[in-house]
C-alpha atoms as a PDB file:
ATOM      1  CA  MET A   1     118.207  99.588  94.401  1.00  0.00           C
ATOM      2  CA  ILE A   2     119.375 102.926  95.617  1.00  0.00           C
ATOM      3  CA  TYR A   3     123.063 103.695  95.417  1.00  0.00           C
ATOM      4  CA  LEU A   4     124.371 106.060  98.069  1.00  0.00           C
ATOM      5  CA  ASN A   5     127.767 107.538  98.616  1.00  0.00           C
ATOM      6  CA  TYR A   6     128.613 106.646 102.220  1.00  0.00           C
ATOM      7  CA  SER A   7     130.359 109.981 102.777  1.00  0.00           C
ATOM      8  CA  ASN A   8     127.307 111.960 101.613  1.00  0.00           C
ATOM      9  CA  LEU A   9     124.493 110.996 103.982  1.00  0.00           C
ATOM     10  CA  ASN A  10     123.778 114.567 104.977  1.00  0.00           C
ATOM     11  CA  GLU A  11     120.355 115.985 105.806  1.00  0.00           C
ATOM     12  CA  GLU A  12     119.751 117.062 102.211  1.00  0.00           C
ATOM     13  CA  THR A  13     120.255 113.503 100.924  1.00  0.00           C
ATOM     14  CA  GLN A  14     118.006 112.086 103.625  1.00  0.00           C
ATOM     15  CA  THR A  15     115.312 114.645 102.832  1.00  0.00           C
ATOM     16  CA  GLN A  16     115.513 113.801  99.134  1.00  0.00           C
ATOM     17  CA  LEU A  17     115.121 110.081  99.877  1.00  0.00           C
ATOM     18  CA  LEU A  18     112.043 110.807 101.983  1.00  0.00           C
ATOM     19  CA  GLU A  19     110.550 113.029  99.262  1.00  0.00           C
ATOM     20  CA  ASN A  20     111.095 110.295  96.665  1.00  0.00           C
ATOM     21  CA  SER A  21     109.403 107.814  98.982  1.00  0.00           C
ATOM     22  CA  LYS A  22     106.449 110.196  99.488  1.00  0.00           C
ATOM     23  CA  LYS A  23     105.996 110.553  95.736  1.00  0.00           C
ATOM     24  CA  GLU A  24     106.080 106.799  95.284  1.00  0.00           C
ATOM     25  CA  ILE A  25     103.531 106.200  98.055  1.00  0.00           C
ATOM     26  CA  GLN A  26     101.247 108.950  96.792  1.00  0.00           C
ATOM     27  CA  GLU A  27     101.316 107.536  93.256  1.00  0.00           C
ATOM     28  CA  ARG A  28     100.628 103.981  94.412  1.00  0.00           C
ATOM     29  CA  PHE A  29      98.289 104.459  97.373  1.00  0.00           C
ATOM     30  CA  GLY A  30      97.359 108.164  97.442  1.00  0.00           C
ATOM     31  CA  VAL A  31      93.621 107.702  96.861  1.00  0.00           C
ATOM     32  CA  ASP A  32      93.332 104.921  99.444  1.00  0.00           C
ATOM     33  CA  ILE A  33      95.289 106.865 102.054  1.00  0.00           C
ATOM     34  CA  ARG A  34      93.231 110.011 101.444  1.00  0.00           C
ATOM     35  CA  ASN A  35      89.968 108.076 101.765  1.00  0.00           C
ATOM     36  CA  TYR A  36      91.127 106.418 104.981  1.00  0.00           C
ATOM     37  CA  ALA A  37      92.328 109.741 106.408  1.00  0.00           C
ATOM     38  CA  ASP A  38      89.033 111.454 105.568  1.00  0.00           C
ATOM     39  CA  GLU A  39      86.933 108.653 107.042  1.00  0.00           C
ATOM     40  CA  ASN A  40      88.947 108.586 110.274  1.00  0.00           C
ATOM     41  CA  HIS A  41      89.588 112.355 110.584  1.00  0.00           C
ATOM     42  CA  ILE A  42      93.372 111.984 110.303  1.00  0.00           C
ATOM     43  CA  ASP A  43      95.718 114.534 108.737  1.00  0.00           C
ATOM     44  CA  PHE A  44      96.562 113.239 105.249  1.00  0.00           C
ATOM     45  CA  ASP A  45     100.036 114.795 105.155  1.00  0.00           C
ATOM     46  CA  LYS A  46     100.990 113.293 108.509  1.00  0.00           C
ATOM     47  CA  MET A  47      99.776 109.882 107.404  1.00  0.00           C
ATOM     48  CA  LEU A  48     101.626 110.184 104.087  1.00  0.00           C
ATOM     49  CA  GLU A  49     104.825 111.089 105.977  1.00  0.00           C
ATOM     50  CA  GLU A  50     104.495 108.012 108.208  1.00  0.00           C
ATOM     51  CA  GLU A  51     103.859 105.707 105.269  1.00  0.00           C
ATOM     52  CA  ALA A  52     106.813 107.190 103.380  1.00  0.00           C
ATOM     53  CA  GLN A  53     109.103 106.490 106.336  1.00  0.00           C
ATOM     54  CA  ARG A  54     107.856 102.901 106.496  1.00  0.00           C
ATOM     55  CA  ASN A  55     108.387 102.591 102.752  1.00  0.00           C
ATOM     56  CA  LEU A  56     112.072 103.489 103.133  1.00  0.00           C
ATOM     57  CA  TYR A  57     112.587 100.198 104.972  1.00  0.00           C
ATOM     58  CA  SER A  58     111.525  98.307 101.849  1.00  0.00           C
ATOM     59  CA  TYR A  59     114.289  99.853  99.720  1.00  0.00           C
ATOM     60  CA  ASP A  60     117.532  98.066  98.949  1.00  0.00           C
ATOM     61  CA  PHE A  61     120.429 100.419  99.598  1.00  0.00           C
ATOM     62  CA  VAL A  62     123.938  99.969  98.234  1.00  0.00           C
ATOM     63  CA  PHE A  63     126.561 102.059  99.959  1.00  0.00           C
ATOM     64  CA  ILE A  64     129.589 103.159  97.977  1.00  0.00           C
ATOM     65  CA  ILE A  65     132.543 103.531 100.299  1.00  0.00           C
END
């Protein structure tokens, strides 16, 4: 679970959440994504960004109001 302060959902916080998601995806699936990107001539960083955004939907957020 990720605990967020409802009054602090600024761009910096959102960027940090996306970076954390990227790190998680790269650790878990980095080799597979790189292989797929190389085989299909797709930009690895763009694909990693898309997967990280999808991964954010799997998180459980708790908002502190």
